[in-house]
Amino acid sequence: MDELVVRAVARRDPDHVDWSSARWVLSERRSKETWSAVTAYRHNPDPAHRRFVLDVLHWYLLLPSSWRNSYEKETAELLVAWATDGEDDPGVLAEVLRVLSETEHRKSKAAGLRHAGHPDPRVRAQVPDLLLSSSTPPPPLDAAARAALISLAGDEDWGVRAGAGRALIAAHDGSPDFTDVIVGLLRDPVADVRACTAEAVADSVDRTVAVARTAWTVPWRSPTLLWPCSTRTTSGRGSTPPTVSYGGTTRAPGRRSNG
């Protein structure tokens, strides 16, 4: 176990074959001993080790071998505790929240609200998905979740705004405050925000049609993203926005400063 982890994190690159190979081997081992050994690295002082733990846990969720050793419940409990107890590295914390959003836990929303005002945009970008319920039909958002989503839709980081917009559209209940925010995002000065919001409106249920009809009266040129908006969670501080295509001319969109 220790040798696999050492091999995985040696190059500190989640895309390296050593990382992915070790992750695959450990994801195939579903004994309690392996589970305990993997999760013990949660407290390792090196962020790369903690990030590797999250990657293995994510694969446990993606590839459950059976209900007896899926560790879905255990993973959700551990992630909630991890997000609640604190994580010093913003990149690791963002990954904790991302993986948590793919579980079903009664405290997921509370974990999201706890970090809605985090100083790092990578963390804030993971909050909207935690505020939405996976049940069908989803229950109405409570006041705290509504306020958090509206606030995130006005975030200084364009990636956070785009993510909040998608969540607002998914939770849209016809209320004027949500409609106004969504229309505002369709007028956003950053092309990616407009495109992601328009994509979410187009893919949403009929209750957002009125929002779409209102927004399409706004004159702006709609770019076509070269990959789905769902793969873009946040721009991050100092990062380069993804390339978009305007009528055959490819260039990077502008964005607001993160200060």
C-alpha atoms as a PDB file:
ATOM      1  CA  MET A   1       0.000   0.000   0.000  1.00  0.00           C
ATOM      2  CA  ASP A   2       2.683   2.505   0.985  1.00  0.00           C
ATOM      3  CA  GLU A   3       4.738   1.708  -2.107  1.00  0.00           C
ATOM      4  CA  LEU A   4       1.734   2.291  -4.375  1.00  0.00           C
ATOM      5  CA  VAL A   5       1.105   5.692  -2.810  1.00  0.00           C
ATOM      6  CA  VAL A   6       4.783   6.674  -3.079  1.00  0.00           C
ATOM      7  CA  ARG A   7       4.803   5.716  -6.756  1.00  0.00           C
ATOM      8  CA  ALA A   8       1.572   7.625  -7.387  1.00  0.00           C
ATOM      9  CA  VAL A   9       2.621  10.946  -5.883  1.00  0.00           C
ATOM     10  CA  ALA A  10       6.318  10.894  -6.853  1.00  0.00           C
ATOM     11  CA  ARG A  11       5.794  13.080  -9.932  1.00  0.00           C
ATOM     12  CA  ARG A  12       2.960  15.056  -8.323  1.00  0.00           C
ATOM     13  CA  ASP A  13       0.931  14.738 -11.506  1.00  0.00           C
ATOM     14  CA  PRO A  14      -2.595  13.210 -11.404  1.00  0.00           C
ATOM     15  CA  ASP A  15      -2.372  12.669 -15.178  1.00  0.00           C
ATOM     16  CA  HIS A  16       0.794  10.566 -14.958  1.00  0.00           C
ATOM     17  CA  VAL A  17       0.511   6.824 -15.612  1.00  0.00           C
ATOM     18  CA  ASP A  18       2.023   5.978 -12.212  1.00  0.00           C
ATOM     19  CA  TRP A  19      -0.764   7.907 -10.491  1.00  0.00           C
ATOM     20  CA  SER A  20      -3.555   6.371 -12.567  1.00  0.00           C
ATOM     21  CA  SER A  21      -2.141   2.839 -12.302  1.00  0.00           C
ATOM     22  CA  ALA A  22      -1.886   3.009  -8.512  1.00  0.00           C
ATOM     23  CA  ARG A  23      -5.378   4.449  -8.331  1.00  0.00           C
ATOM     24  CA  TRP A  24      -6.746   1.601 -10.440  1.00  0.00           C
ATOM     25  CA  VAL A  25      -5.069  -1.091  -8.336  1.00  0.00           C
ATOM     26  CA  LEU A  26      -6.369   0.405  -5.098  1.00  0.00           C
ATOM     27  CA  SER A  27      -9.856   0.944  -6.486  1.00  0.00           C
ATOM     28  CA  GLU A  28      -9.976  -2.795  -7.218  1.00  0.00           C
ATOM     29  CA  ARG A  29      -9.033  -3.671  -3.655  1.00  0.00           C
ATOM     30  CA  ARG A  30     -12.156  -3.419  -1.524  1.00  0.00           C
ATOM     31  CA  SER A  31     -11.086  -4.913   1.785  1.00  0.00           C
ATOM     32  CA  LYS A  32     -11.508  -3.019   5.023  1.00  0.00           C
ATOM     33  CA  GLU A  33      -7.750  -3.115   5.460  1.00  0.00           C
ATOM     34  CA  THR A  34      -7.228  -1.287   2.160  1.00  0.00           C
ATOM     35  CA  TRP A  35      -9.962   1.217   2.967  1.00  0.00           C
ATOM     36  CA  SER A  36      -8.348   2.026   6.319  1.00  0.00           C
ATOM     37  CA  ALA A  37      -4.879   2.278   4.792  1.00  0.00           C
ATOM     38  CA  VAL A  38      -6.028   4.613   2.005  1.00  0.00           C
ATOM     39  CA  THR A  39      -8.072   6.928   4.201  1.00  0.00           C
ATOM     40  CA  ALA A  40      -5.272   7.179   6.759  1.00  0.00           C
ATOM     41  CA  TYR A  41      -3.422   9.340   4.219  1.00  0.00           C
ATOM     42  CA  ARG A  42      -6.112  11.966   4.653  1.00  0.00           C
ATOM     43  CA  HIS A  43      -4.009  13.351   7.505  1.00  0.00           C
ATOM     44  CA  ASN A  44      -0.724  13.298   5.593  1.00  0.00           C
ATOM     45  CA  PRO A  45       1.013  16.721   5.670  1.00  0.00           C
ATOM     46  CA  ASP A  46       1.671  16.556   1.905  1.00  0.00           C
ATOM     47  CA  PRO A  47      -1.297  17.872  -0.153  1.00  0.00           C
ATOM     48  CA  ALA A  48      -0.415  15.489  -3.006  1.00  0.00           C
ATOM     49  CA  HIS A  49      -1.015  12.499  -0.731  1.00  0.00           C
ATOM     50  CA  ARG A  50      -4.366  13.898   0.372  1.00  0.00           C
ATOM     51  CA  ARG A  51      -5.296  14.590  -3.244  1.00  0.00           C
ATOM     52  CA  PHE A  52      -4.500  10.993  -4.135  1.00  0.00           C
ATOM     53  CA  VAL A  53      -6.780   9.764  -1.351  1.00  0.00           C
ATOM     54  CA  LEU A  54      -9.626  11.769  -2.879  1.00  0.00           C
ATOM     55  CA  ASP A  55      -8.917  10.354  -6.313  1.00  0.00           C
ATOM     56  CA  VAL A  56      -9.120   6.787  -5.020  1.00  0.00           C
ATOM     57  CA  LEU A  57     -12.327   7.545  -3.108  1.00  0.00           C
ATOM     58  CA  HIS A  58     -13.826   9.077  -6.230  1.00  0.00           C
ATOM     59  CA  TRP A  59     -13.095   5.888  -8.147  1.00  0.00           C
ATOM     60  CA  TYR A  60     -14.706   3.896  -5.353  1.00  0.00           C
ATOM     61  CA  LEU A  61     -17.861   5.881  -6.097  1.00  0.00           C
ATOM     62  CA  LEU A  62     -17.552   5.640  -9.867  1.00  0.00           C
ATOM     63  CA  LEU A  63     -16.841   1.913  -9.940  1.00  0.00           C
ATOM     64  CA  PRO A  64     -18.756   0.243  -7.106  1.00  0.00           C
ATOM     65  CA  SER A  65     -18.157  -3.503  -7.254  1.00  0.00           C
ATOM     66  CA  SER A  66     -21.130  -4.414  -5.077  1.00  0.00           C
ATOM     67  CA  TRP A  67     -23.349  -2.972  -2.386  1.00  0.00           C
ATOM     68  CA  ARG A  68     -21.316  -4.812   0.254  1.00  0.00           C
ATOM     69  CA  ASN A  69     -18.044  -3.049  -0.476  1.00  0.00           C
ATOM     70  CA  SER A  70     -18.976   0.089  -2.391  1.00  0.00           C
ATOM     71  CA  TYR A  71     -18.014   2.263   0.604  1.00  0.00           C
ATOM     72  CA  GLU A  72     -20.437   4.894  -0.669  1.00  0.00           C
ATOM     73  CA  LYS A  73     -21.826   5.665   2.773  1.00  0.00           C
ATOM     74  CA  GLU A  74     -18.391   5.606   4.391  1.00  0.00           C
ATOM     75  CA  THR A  75     -16.980   7.893   1.705  1.00  0.00           C
ATOM     76  CA  ALA A  76     -19.779  10.417   2.136  1.00  0.00           C
ATOM     77  CA  GLU A  77     -19.304  10.457   5.909  1.00  0.00           C
ATOM     78  CA  LEU A  78     -15.558  10.920   5.577  1.00  0.00           C
ATOM     79  CA  LEU A  79     -15.919  13.744   3.039  1.00  0.00           C
ATOM     80  CA  VAL A  80     -18.416  15.621   5.215  1.00  0.00           C
ATOM     81  CA  ALA A  81     -16.048  15.352   8.174  1.00  0.00           C
ATOM     82  CA  TRP A  82     -13.117  16.417   5.966  1.00  0.00           C
ATOM     83  CA  ALA A  83     -14.985  19.491   4.714  1.00  0.00           C
ATOM     84  CA  THR A  84     -16.192  20.364   8.200  1.00  0.00           C
ATOM     85  CA  ASP A  85     -12.997  19.805  10.166  1.00  0.00           C
ATOM     86  CA  GLY A  86     -11.013  21.945   7.770  1.00  0.00           C
ATOM     87  CA  GLU A  87      -8.490  21.540   4.943  1.00  0.00           C
ATOM     88  CA  ASP A  88      -5.557  23.918   4.640  1.00  0.00           C
ATOM     89  CA  ASP A  89      -4.914  23.488   0.913  1.00  0.00           C
ATOM     90  CA  PRO A  90      -7.578  25.219  -1.239  1.00  0.00           C
ATOM     91  CA  GLY A  91      -7.010  22.879  -4.178  1.00  0.00           C
ATOM     92  CA  VAL A  92      -7.536  19.812  -2.008  1.00  0.00           C
ATOM     93  CA  LEU A  93     -10.577  21.374  -0.327  1.00  0.00           C
ATOM     94  CA  ALA A  94     -12.114  22.114  -3.721  1.00  0.00           C
ATOM     95  CA  GLU A  95     -11.647  18.460  -4.640  1.00  0.00           C
ATOM     96  CA  VAL A  96     -13.206  17.350  -1.335  1.00  0.00           C
ATOM     97  CA  LEU A  97     -16.321  19.369  -2.138  1.00  0.00           C
ATOM     98  CA  ARG A  98     -16.414  18.171  -5.745  1.00  0.00           C
ATOM     99  CA  VAL A  99     -16.357  14.512  -4.769  1.00  0.00           C
ATOM    100  CA  LEU A 100     -18.843  15.168  -1.957  1.00  0.00           C
ATOM    101  CA  SER A 101     -21.272  16.644  -4.499  1.00  0.00           C
ATOM    102  CA  GLU A 102     -21.389  13.233  -6.183  1.00  0.00           C
ATOM    103  CA  THR A 103     -22.639  11.531  -3.024  1.00  0.00           C
ATOM    104  CA  GLU A 104     -25.942  11.771  -1.225  1.00  0.00           C
ATOM    105  CA  HIS A 105     -25.538  13.015   2.326  1.00  0.00           C
ATOM    106  CA  ARG A 106     -27.902  15.039   4.445  1.00  0.00           C
ATOM    107  CA  LYS A 107     -25.086  17.399   5.472  1.00  0.00           C
ATOM    108  CA  SER A 108     -23.776  18.141   1.971  1.00  0.00           C
ATOM    109  CA  LYS A 109     -25.678  21.423   1.742  1.00  0.00           C
ATOM    110  CA  ALA A 110     -24.358  22.564   5.117  1.00  0.00           C
ATOM    111  CA  ALA A 111     -20.822  21.789   3.965  1.00  0.00           C
ATOM    112  CA  GLY A 112     -21.409  23.872   0.848  1.00  0.00           C
ATOM    113  CA  LEU A 113     -22.812  26.832   2.753  1.00  0.00           C
ATOM    114  CA  ARG A 114     -19.843  26.694   5.101  1.00  0.00           C
ATOM    115  CA  HIS A 115     -17.487  27.451   2.202  1.00  0.00           C
ATOM    116  CA  ALA A 116     -19.639  29.791   0.097  1.00  0.00           C
ATOM    117  CA  GLY A 117     -17.463  32.731   1.133  1.00  0.00           C
ATOM    118  CA  HIS A 118     -14.098  30.982   0.863  1.00  0.00           C
ATOM    119  CA  PRO A 119     -11.334  33.282  -0.460  1.00  0.00           C
ATOM    120  CA  ASP A 120     -10.280  30.825  -3.189  1.00  0.00           C
ATOM    121  CA  PRO A 121     -12.531  30.688  -6.297  1.00  0.00           C
ATOM    122  CA  ARG A 122     -11.779  26.994  -6.818  1.00  0.00           C
ATOM    123  CA  VAL A 123     -13.556  26.273  -3.550  1.00  0.00           C
ATOM    124  CA  ARG A 124     -16.453  28.652  -4.150  1.00  0.00           C
ATOM    125  CA  ALA A 125     -17.016  27.096  -7.580  1.00  0.00           C
ATOM    126  CA  GLN A 126     -17.871  23.749  -5.966  1.00  0.00           C
ATOM    127  CA  VAL A 127     -20.556  25.176  -3.671  1.00  0.00           C
ATOM    128  CA  PRO A 128     -23.524  25.475  -6.106  1.00  0.00           C
ATOM    129  CA  ASP A 129     -23.731  21.731  -6.806  1.00  0.00           C
ATOM    130  CA  LEU A 130     -23.788  21.009  -3.070  1.00  0.00           C
ATOM    131  CA  LEU A 131     -26.809  23.258  -2.591  1.00  0.00           C
ATOM    132  CA  LEU A 132     -28.986  21.320  -5.041  1.00  0.00           C
ATOM    133  CA  SER A 133     -30.899  18.191  -4.119  1.00  0.00           C
ATOM    134  CA  SER A 134     -30.545  15.052  -6.238  1.00  0.00           C
ATOM    135  CA  SER A 135     -34.137  13.998  -5.566  1.00  0.00           C
ATOM    136  CA  THR A 136     -36.781  14.161  -8.293  1.00  0.00           C
ATOM    137  CA  PRO A 137     -38.552  16.516  -8.227  1.00  0.00           C
ATOM    138  CA  PRO A 138     -36.117  18.597  -6.186  1.00  0.00           C
ATOM    139  CA  PRO A 139     -37.544  20.365  -3.122  1.00  0.00           C
ATOM    140  CA  PRO A 140     -37.592  24.184  -3.092  1.00  0.00           C
ATOM    141  CA  LEU A 141     -34.380  25.808  -1.963  1.00  0.00           C
ATOM    142  CA  ASP A 142     -34.387  27.236   1.537  1.00  0.00           C
ATOM    143  CA  ALA A 143     -33.541  30.872   2.213  1.00  0.00           C
ATOM    144  CA  ALA A 144     -29.870  30.233   2.973  1.00  0.00           C
ATOM    145  CA  ALA A 145     -29.268  28.258  -0.224  1.00  0.00           C
ATOM    146  CA  ARG A 146     -31.138  30.832  -2.323  1.00  0.00           C
ATOM    147  CA  ALA A 147     -29.115  33.685  -0.872  1.00  0.00           C
ATOM    148  CA  ALA A 148     -25.839  31.831  -1.396  1.00  0.00           C
ATOM    149  CA  LEU A 149     -26.572  31.042  -5.050  1.00  0.00           C
ATOM    150  CA  ILE A 150     -27.605  34.608  -5.816  1.00  0.00           C
ATOM    151  CA  SER A 151     -24.454  35.895  -4.129  1.00  0.00           C
ATOM    152  CA  LEU A 152     -22.224  33.445  -6.046  1.00  0.00           C
ATOM    153  CA  ALA A 153     -23.896  34.492  -9.306  1.00  0.00           C
ATOM    154  CA  GLY A 154     -22.363  37.922  -8.683  1.00  0.00           C
ATOM    155  CA  ASP A 155     -18.923  36.570  -7.780  1.00  0.00           C
ATOM    156  CA  GLU A 156     -15.789  38.343  -9.009  1.00  0.00           C
ATOM    157  CA  ASP A 157     -14.584  35.108 -10.641  1.00  0.00           C
ATOM    158  CA  TRP A 158     -16.292  34.348 -13.950  1.00  0.00           C
ATOM    159  CA  GLY A 159     -16.065  30.569 -13.418  1.00  0.00           C
ATOM    160  CA  VAL A 160     -17.920  30.826 -10.126  1.00  0.00           C
ATOM    161  CA  ARG A 161     -20.605  32.967 -11.745  1.00  0.00           C
ATOM    162  CA  ALA A 162     -21.085  30.430 -14.534  1.00  0.00           C
ATOM    163  CA  GLY A 163     -21.444  27.545 -12.080  1.00  0.00           C
ATOM    164  CA  ALA A 164     -23.891  29.455  -9.925  1.00  0.00           C
ATOM    165  CA  GLY A 165     -25.921  30.285 -13.002  1.00  0.00           C
ATOM    166  CA  ARG A 166     -26.269  26.630 -13.946  1.00  0.00           C
ATOM    167  CA  ALA A 167     -27.445  25.819 -10.432  1.00  0.00           C
ATOM    168  CA  LEU A 168     -29.923  28.712 -10.431  1.00  0.00           C
ATOM    169  CA  ILE A 169     -31.431  27.482 -13.672  1.00  0.00           C
ATOM    170  CA  ALA A 170     -31.698  23.929 -12.338  1.00  0.00           C
ATOM    171  CA  ALA A 171     -33.455  25.219  -9.203  1.00  0.00           C
ATOM    172  CA  HIS A 172     -35.494  27.923 -10.927  1.00  0.00           C
ATOM    173  CA  ASP A 173     -39.014  28.125  -9.532  1.00  0.00           C
ATOM    174  CA  GLY A 174     -40.270  31.094 -11.511  1.00  0.00           C
ATOM    175  CA  SER A 175     -39.432  33.631  -8.807  1.00  0.00           C
ATOM    176  CA  PRO A 176     -38.514  37.111 -10.065  1.00  0.00           C
ATOM    177  CA  ASP A 177     -35.234  37.235  -8.144  1.00  0.00           C
ATOM    178  CA  PHE A 178     -33.920  34.113  -9.862  1.00  0.00           C
ATOM    179  CA  THR A 179     -35.157  35.302 -13.252  1.00  0.00           C
ATOM    180  CA  ASP A 180     -33.418  38.658 -12.881  1.00  0.00           C
ATOM    181  CA  VAL A 181     -30.119  37.017 -11.935  1.00  0.00           C
ATOM    182  CA  ILE A 182     -30.271  34.543 -14.839  1.00  0.00           C
ATOM    183  CA  VAL A 183     -31.022  37.311 -17.328  1.00  0.00           C
ATOM    184  CA  GLY A 184     -28.127  39.271 -15.855  1.00  0.00           C
ATOM    185  CA  LEU A 185     -25.795  36.320 -16.454  1.00  0.00           C
ATOM    186  CA  LEU A 186     -26.960  36.117 -20.059  1.00  0.00           C
ATOM    187  CA  ARG A 187     -25.773  39.735 -20.352  1.00  0.00           C
ATOM    188  CA  ASP A 188     -22.491  39.091 -18.530  1.00  0.00           C
ATOM    189  CA  PRO A 189     -19.440  40.832 -20.036  1.00  0.00           C
ATOM    190  CA  VAL A 190     -17.545  37.503 -20.124  1.00  0.00           C
ATOM    191  CA  ALA A 191     -18.447  35.392 -23.133  1.00  0.00           C
ATOM    192  CA  ASP A 192     -18.034  32.074 -21.302  1.00  0.00           C
ATOM    193  CA  VAL A 193     -20.555  33.057 -18.648  1.00  0.00           C
ATOM    194  CA  ARG A 194     -23.097  33.995 -21.309  1.00  0.00           C
ATOM    195  CA  ALA A 195     -22.469  30.783 -23.232  1.00  0.00           C
ATOM    196  CA  CYS A 196     -22.675  28.497 -20.194  1.00  0.00           C
ATOM    197  CA  THR A 197     -25.844  30.175 -18.976  1.00  0.00           C
ATOM    198  CA  ALA A 198     -27.434  29.958 -22.418  1.00  0.00           C
ATOM    199  CA  GLU A 199     -26.462  26.283 -22.667  1.00  0.00           C
ATOM    200  CA  ALA A 200     -28.047  25.570 -19.274  1.00  0.00           C
ATOM    201  CA  VAL A 201     -31.224  27.415 -20.239  1.00  0.00           C
ATOM    202  CA  ALA A 202     -31.449  25.460 -23.490  1.00  0.00           C
ATOM    203  CA  ASP A 203     -31.030  22.150 -21.649  1.00  0.00           C
ATOM    204  CA  SER A 204     -33.384  22.997 -18.790  1.00  0.00           C
ATOM    205  CA  VAL A 205     -36.993  22.046 -18.242  1.00  0.00           C
ATOM    206  CA  ASP A 206     -39.914  24.100 -19.575  1.00  0.00           C
ATOM    207  CA  ARG A 207     -40.168  26.337 -16.511  1.00  0.00           C
ATOM    208  CA  THR A 208     -37.156  28.335 -17.736  1.00  0.00           C
ATOM    209  CA  VAL A 209     -38.547  29.035 -21.203  1.00  0.00           C
ATOM    210  CA  ALA A 210     -39.828  32.430 -20.087  1.00  0.00           C
ATOM    211  CA  VAL A 211     -36.344  33.309 -18.876  1.00  0.00           C
ATOM    212  CA  ALA A 212     -34.859  32.304 -22.213  1.00  0.00           C
ATOM    213  CA  ARG A 213     -37.363  34.342 -24.211  1.00  0.00           C
ATOM    214  CA  THR A 214     -36.649  37.404 -22.119  1.00  0.00           C
ATOM    215  CA  ALA A 215     -32.899  37.027 -22.401  1.00  0.00           C
ATOM    216  CA  TRP A 216     -32.767  36.372 -26.122  1.00  0.00           C
ATOM    217  CA  THR A 217     -33.968  39.930 -26.700  1.00  0.00           C
ATOM    218  CA  VAL A 218     -30.595  41.118 -25.444  1.00  0.00           C
ATOM    219  CA  PRO A 219     -28.198  41.802 -28.365  1.00  0.00           C
ATOM    220  CA  TRP A 220     -25.013  39.824 -27.845  1.00  0.00           C
ATOM    221  CA  ARG A 221     -23.029  37.391 -29.915  1.00  0.00           C
ATOM    222  CA  SER A 222     -23.215  33.853 -28.560  1.00  0.00           C
ATOM    223  CA  PRO A 223     -19.903  31.958 -28.699  1.00  0.00           C
ATOM    224  CA  THR A 224     -19.666  28.206 -29.126  1.00  0.00           C
ATOM    225  CA  LEU A 225     -17.464  26.601 -26.495  1.00  0.00           C
ATOM    226  CA  LEU A 226     -14.973  24.056 -27.743  1.00  0.00           C
ATOM    227  CA  TRP A 227     -15.910  21.739 -24.858  1.00  0.00           C
ATOM    228  CA  PRO A 228     -19.003  21.495 -22.587  1.00  0.00           C
ATOM    229  CA  CYS A 229     -19.508  24.117 -19.911  1.00  0.00           C
ATOM    230  CA  SER A 230     -19.896  21.359 -17.335  1.00  0.00           C
ATOM    231  CA  THR A 231     -16.173  20.587 -17.632  1.00  0.00           C
ATOM    232  CA  ARG A 232     -15.250  24.136 -16.656  1.00  0.00           C
ATOM    233  CA  THR A 233     -15.672  24.709 -12.921  1.00  0.00           C
ATOM    234  CA  THR A 234     -13.648  27.842 -12.314  1.00  0.00           C
ATOM    235  CA  SER A 235     -11.216  30.114 -14.039  1.00  0.00           C
ATOM    236  CA  GLY A 236      -8.906  30.178 -11.035  1.00  0.00           C
ATOM    237  CA  ARG A 237      -6.628  33.029 -10.082  1.00  0.00           C
ATOM    238  CA  GLY A 238      -4.268  33.933 -12.877  1.00  0.00           C
ATOM    239  CA  SER A 239      -5.348  31.124 -15.173  1.00  0.00           C
ATOM    240  CA  THR A 240      -6.098  31.390 -18.872  1.00  0.00           C
ATOM    241  CA  PRO A 241      -9.787  31.184 -19.861  1.00  0.00           C
ATOM    242  CA  PRO A 242     -10.737  28.455 -22.343  1.00  0.00           C
ATOM    243  CA  THR A 243     -10.784  29.258 -26.025  1.00  0.00           C
ATOM    244  CA  VAL A 244     -14.096  30.031 -27.692  1.00  0.00           C
ATOM    245  CA  SER A 245     -15.020  30.274 -31.349  1.00  0.00           C
ATOM    246  CA  TYR A 246     -16.765  33.304 -32.847  1.00  0.00           C
ATOM    247  CA  GLY A 247     -18.013  32.540 -36.326  1.00  0.00           C
ATOM    248  CA  GLY A 248     -14.906  30.582 -37.253  1.00  0.00           C
ATOM    249  CA  THR A 249     -12.444  32.943 -35.565  1.00  0.00           C
ATOM    250  CA  THR A 250     -10.927  31.363 -32.472  1.00  0.00           C
ATOM    251  CA  ARG A 251      -9.672  33.419 -29.578  1.00  0.00           C
ATOM    252  CA  ALA A 252      -9.714  33.540 -25.780  1.00  0.00           C
ATOM    253  CA  PRO A 253     -12.621  35.424 -24.141  1.00  0.00           C
ATOM    254  CA  GLY A 254     -12.128  38.382 -21.901  1.00  0.00           C
ATOM    255  CA  ARG A 255     -12.877  38.156 -18.205  1.00  0.00           C
ATOM    256  CA  ARG A 256     -13.097  40.343 -15.185  1.00  0.00           C
ATOM    257  CA  SER A 257     -10.111  40.765 -12.949  1.00  0.00           C
ATOM    258  CA  ASN A 258     -10.023  38.658  -9.789  1.00  0.00           C
ATOM    259  CA  GLY A 259      -8.273  41.466  -7.975  1.00  0.00           C
END
